[in-house]
């Protein structure tokens, strides 16, 4: 799967180095996999959630951070839409995914 954009991850990691290892591990795993659908994704990331409109939420670093990604399975593209703490995610989750 092609991830758009690794630069977003790098910029976030520069400001939050405690999550760098977890975000890079997520990137390596997702970019080396070709998932067919959400059920296939759940085998690799059991805590991932579908939140609507092709948006999927990943728990990062023991659920301290949330990563929201738009995934299109057929063209194998994942676009990073949000990275933040769990508290920051709670502020945007009701408005961001429609």
Protein backbone atom coordinates (compact mmCIF):
# COMPACT_ATOMS: atom_id res chain seq x y z
CA UNK A 1 0.00 0.00 0.00
CA UNK A 2 1.27 3.46 -0.87
CA UNK A 3 1.21 5.91 2.06
CA UNK A 4 0.66 9.62 1.47
CA UNK A 5 2.71 11.14 3.04
CA UNK A 6 5.68 9.87 4.99
CA UNK A 7 6.77 13.50 5.38
CA UNK A 8 3.72 14.09 7.60
CA UNK A 9 4.91 11.32 9.89
CA UNK A 10 8.47 12.66 9.94
CA UNK A 11 7.29 16.17 10.86
CA UNK A 12 5.12 14.84 13.67
CA UNK A 13 7.92 12.63 14.98
CA UNK A 14 10.28 15.61 15.07
CA UNK A 15 7.88 17.32 17.49
CA UNK A 16 6.90 14.14 19.39
CA UNK A 17 9.95 11.83 19.44
CA UNK A 18 8.35 9.45 21.95
CA UNK A 19 6.05 8.09 19.23
CA UNK A 20 8.64 7.89 16.45
CA UNK A 21 9.34 4.17 16.79
CA UNK A 22 5.65 3.27 16.84
CA UNK A 23 4.79 5.49 13.85
CA UNK A 24 7.70 4.19 11.79
CA UNK A 25 6.72 0.60 12.63
CA UNK A 26 3.15 1.38 11.51
CA UNK A 27 4.50 2.91 8.28
CA UNK A 28 6.72 -0.07 7.51
CA UNK A 29 3.91 -2.51 8.14
CA UNK A 30 1.27 -0.70 6.10
CA UNK A 31 3.56 0.11 3.18
CA UNK A 32 4.63 -3.52 2.82
CA UNK A 33 1.09 -4.94 2.81
CA UNK A 34 -1.73 -5.13 0.29
CA UNK A 35 -4.98 -5.38 2.19
CA UNK A 36 -8.11 -6.41 0.34
CA UNK A 37 -10.60 -4.96 2.82
CA UNK A 38 -11.14 -3.88 6.42
CA UNK A 39 -11.31 -7.47 7.69
CA UNK A 40 -7.88 -8.13 6.19
CA UNK A 41 -6.54 -4.93 7.80
CA UNK A 42 -7.94 -6.02 11.19
CA UNK A 43 -5.77 -9.14 11.14
CA UNK A 44 -2.67 -6.92 11.15
CA UNK A 45 -4.10 -4.17 13.38
CA UNK A 46 -6.80 -5.64 15.65
CA UNK A 47 -7.42 -2.33 17.42
CA UNK A 48 -8.00 -0.38 14.17
CA UNK A 49 -11.47 1.09 13.79
CA UNK A 50 -13.53 2.15 10.80
CA UNK A 51 -15.07 5.55 11.58
CA UNK A 52 -16.87 6.24 8.29
CA UNK A 53 -16.19 7.73 4.88
CA UNK A 54 -13.11 5.51 4.26
CA UNK A 55 -11.47 6.80 7.47
CA UNK A 56 -9.68 4.32 9.74
CA UNK A 57 -8.24 5.03 13.19
CA UNK A 58 -5.07 3.35 14.45
CA UNK A 59 -3.95 3.37 18.06
CA UNK A 60 -0.30 4.33 18.29
CA UNK A 61 2.06 3.73 21.19
CA UNK A 62 -0.33 2.04 23.56
CA UNK A 63 -3.28 4.25 22.54
CA UNK A 64 -1.43 7.41 23.59
CA UNK A 65 -1.69 8.68 20.02
CA UNK A 66 -4.27 8.31 17.29
CA UNK A 67 -3.59 8.13 13.58
CA UNK A 68 -6.49 8.70 11.19
CA UNK A 69 -5.97 7.45 7.66
CA UNK A 70 -8.17 7.43 4.56
CA UNK A 71 -7.70 4.03 2.94
CA UNK A 72 -8.77 3.08 -0.55
CA UNK A 73 -8.25 -0.65 -0.85
CA UNK A 74 -8.61 -1.05 -4.62
CA UNK A 75 -5.90 1.41 -5.66
CA UNK A 76 -3.92 0.51 -2.49
CA UNK A 77 -3.58 4.09 -1.21
CA UNK A 78 -3.51 5.31 2.39
CA UNK A 79 -3.62 9.06 3.05
CA UNK A 80 -2.74 10.33 6.51
CA UNK A 81 -5.41 12.80 7.67
CA UNK A 82 -4.61 13.31 11.37
CA UNK A 83 -1.98 12.45 13.96
CA UNK A 84 -2.48 13.53 17.54
CA UNK A 85 -2.85 12.58 21.13
CA UNK A 86 -5.89 10.70 22.29
CA UNK A 87 -7.23 13.93 23.83
CA UNK A 88 -6.72 15.85 20.57
CA UNK A 89 -8.50 13.10 18.66
CA UNK A 90 -11.47 13.28 21.03
CA UNK A 91 -11.88 16.98 20.14
CA UNK A 92 -12.09 16.37 16.38
CA UNK A 93 -13.66 12.93 16.04
CA UNK A 94 -17.27 14.11 15.86
CA UNK A 95 -16.72 16.59 13.02
CA UNK A 96 -13.81 15.36 10.95
CA UNK A 97 -14.97 12.15 9.30
CA UNK A 98 -18.17 13.00 7.48
